[in-house]
Amino acid sequence: MKCMKNKGDDISLFKEVMDYNTLFLSNKAFESFREILDLTNDTQNLMDTPFQEQDVNKIQEKFLSMINSEWGESSISFFYYHILIPHSYSLYLNLLTGNLPMCFVGLRFMYESLMKCYFADVKYPKSLSVKKINY
């Protein structure tokens, strides 16, 4: 029976694997690595859009207007904030840790969710609203 390692050992092993995979991906599969980085960067850029102002009142005004607009009520905005952003980050982490099956599961989940949200917006453009949902 092996004795328990320190948590620092696990973290250093995890970092070592991620560093090795980063070098491997940038040398052998750069296009795939670049696509995932671009997806993560694109979601970050879209998320920062209302917050590019320096004035706090303007930021709040832009954010509230975005939520109260049709964008805030669409299924695509739900997809963007609840599926695309978190899963693009997990896709990047899964790729670096070598968890390729979860990369494919995440890509499929994002693709299928996008299609369902799109068709929900097409079929029920005004009837579904986030504001109508009571928690």
Protein backbone atom coordinates (compact mmCIF):
# COMPACT_ATOMS: atom_id res chain seq x y z
CA MET A 1 0.00 0.00 0.00
CA LYS A 2 1.41 3.36 -1.02
CA CYS A 3 1.49 6.19 1.44
CA MET A 4 -0.51 9.30 0.66
CA LYS A 5 1.31 12.02 -1.24
CA ASN A 6 1.18 15.66 -0.37
CA LYS A 7 -1.36 17.77 -2.23
CA GLY A 8 1.53 19.76 -3.67
CA ASP A 9 2.79 16.62 -5.37
CA ASP A 10 -0.55 16.14 -7.12
CA ILE A 11 -0.63 19.73 -8.25
CA SER A 12 2.93 19.59 -9.55
CA LEU A 13 2.13 16.37 -11.44
CA PHE A 14 -0.99 18.00 -12.89
CA LYS A 15 1.05 21.04 -13.96
CA GLU A 16 3.72 18.80 -15.45
CA VAL A 17 1.14 16.96 -17.57
CA MET A 18 -0.40 20.23 -18.72
CA ASP A 19 3.00 21.69 -19.63
CA TYR A 20 3.92 18.57 -21.60
CA ASN A 21 0.58 18.56 -23.43
CA THR A 22 0.90 22.26 -24.22
CA LEU A 23 4.27 21.68 -25.86
CA PHE A 24 2.98 18.61 -27.69
CA LEU A 25 -0.14 20.37 -28.97
CA SER A 26 1.73 23.47 -30.08
CA ASN A 27 4.25 21.33 -32.00
CA LYS A 28 2.13 18.48 -33.37
CA ALA A 29 -1.48 19.70 -33.43
CA PHE A 30 -1.20 23.46 -33.56
CA GLU A 31 -4.36 24.03 -35.64
CA SER A 32 -6.59 22.17 -33.17
CA PHE A 33 -4.94 23.91 -30.24
CA ARG A 34 -5.35 27.30 -31.94
CA GLU A 35 -9.06 26.67 -32.63
CA ILE A 36 -9.77 25.94 -28.98
CA LEU A 37 -7.78 28.98 -27.88
CA ASP A 38 -9.72 31.11 -30.38
CA LEU A 39 -13.05 29.76 -29.11
CA THR A 40 -12.09 30.60 -25.53
CA ASN A 41 -10.81 34.05 -26.52
CA ASP A 42 -13.94 34.81 -28.57
CA THR A 43 -16.22 34.01 -25.64
CA GLN A 44 -14.07 36.20 -23.40
CA ASN A 45 -14.22 39.08 -25.89
CA LEU A 46 -18.01 38.85 -26.16
CA MET A 47 -18.34 38.70 -22.41
CA ASP A 48 -16.24 41.86 -21.98
CA THR A 49 -18.26 43.88 -24.50
CA PRO A 50 -20.60 45.64 -22.04
CA PHE A 51 -17.73 46.26 -19.61
CA GLN A 52 -15.37 48.17 -21.89
CA GLU A 53 -16.50 51.50 -20.42
CA GLN A 54 -14.62 53.05 -17.52
CA ASP A 55 -17.65 54.61 -15.82
CA VAL A 56 -19.52 52.24 -13.48
CA ASN A 57 -22.90 53.85 -14.24
CA LYS A 58 -22.40 53.35 -17.98
CA ILE A 59 -21.41 49.71 -17.42
CA GLN A 60 -24.55 49.11 -15.36
CA GLU A 61 -26.70 50.89 -17.93
CA LYS A 62 -25.28 48.87 -20.85
CA PHE A 63 -25.58 45.59 -18.97
CA LEU A 64 -29.21 46.24 -17.94
CA SER A 65 -30.16 47.37 -21.43
CA MET A 66 -28.61 44.19 -22.83
CA ILE A 67 -30.58 42.03 -20.37
CA ASN A 68 -33.84 43.92 -20.99
CA SER A 69 -33.49 43.80 -24.77
CA GLU A 70 -34.60 40.93 -26.97
CA TRP A 71 -31.09 39.52 -26.64
CA GLY A 72 -31.65 38.99 -22.91
CA GLU A 73 -34.85 37.08 -23.59
CA SER A 74 -33.58 34.78 -26.33
CA SER A 75 -32.56 31.17 -26.00
CA ILE A 76 -29.30 32.00 -27.76
CA SER A 77 -28.31 34.33 -24.92
CA PHE A 78 -29.04 31.47 -22.52
CA PHE A 79 -26.77 29.27 -24.63
CA TYR A 80 -24.06 31.88 -24.62
CA TYR A 81 -23.94 32.54 -20.88
CA HIS A 82 -24.76 29.11 -19.49
CA ILE A 83 -23.27 26.71 -22.04
CA LEU A 84 -20.73 28.30 -24.39
CA ILE A 85 -18.67 30.27 -21.87
CA PRO A 86 -18.20 27.59 -19.20
CA HIS A 87 -17.81 24.71 -21.64
CA SER A 88 -15.26 26.52 -23.80
CA TYR A 89 -13.08 26.90 -20.73
CA SER A 90 -13.58 23.26 -19.74
CA LEU A 91 -12.75 22.22 -23.30
CA TYR A 92 -9.40 24.00 -23.02
CA LEU A 93 -8.67 22.42 -19.64
CA ASN A 94 -9.70 18.94 -20.83
CA LEU A 95 -7.44 19.26 -23.85
CA LEU A 96 -4.45 20.26 -21.73
CA THR A 97 -5.00 17.45 -19.23
CA GLY A 98 -5.35 14.86 -21.98
CA ASN A 99 -9.03 14.15 -21.32
CA LEU A 100 -9.91 13.85 -25.01
CA PRO A 101 -13.21 11.95 -24.58
CA MET A 102 -14.58 14.87 -22.57
CA CYS A 103 -13.40 17.26 -25.28
CA PHE A 104 -15.61 15.45 -27.79
CA VAL A 105 -18.51 15.25 -25.33
CA GLY A 106 -18.20 18.98 -24.64
CA LEU A 107 -18.08 19.88 -28.34
CA ARG A 108 -21.11 17.73 -29.07
CA PHE A 109 -23.00 19.21 -26.11
CA MET A 110 -22.23 22.77 -27.25
CA TYR A 111 -23.26 21.99 -30.83
CA GLU A 112 -26.52 20.28 -29.87
CA SER A 113 -27.39 23.00 -27.36
CA LEU A 114 -26.78 25.69 -29.96
CA MET A 115 -29.13 23.96 -32.38
CA LYS A 116 -31.85 23.50 -29.75
CA CYS A 117 -31.61 27.10 -28.63
CA TYR A 118 -31.66 28.34 -32.21
CA PHE A 119 -34.73 26.28 -33.09
CA ALA A 120 -36.45 27.41 -29.88
CA ASP A 121 -35.91 31.03 -30.92
CA VAL A 122 -37.17 30.31 -34.43
CA LYS A 123 -40.25 28.37 -33.34
CA TYR A 124 -41.16 30.52 -30.32
CA PRO A 125 -39.64 33.94 -30.97
CA LYS A 126 -41.63 35.94 -28.42
CA SER A 127 -43.40 33.35 -26.30
CA LEU A 128 -40.38 32.18 -24.30
CA SER A 129 -39.00 34.78 -21.99
CA VAL A 130 -36.53 34.59 -19.17
CA LYS A 131 -38.56 37.26 -17.37
CA LYS A 132 -41.63 34.98 -17.28
CA ILE A 133 -39.80 32.23 -15.38
CA ASN A 134 -40.40 32.38 -11.64
CA TYR A 135 -37.86 30.62 -9.51
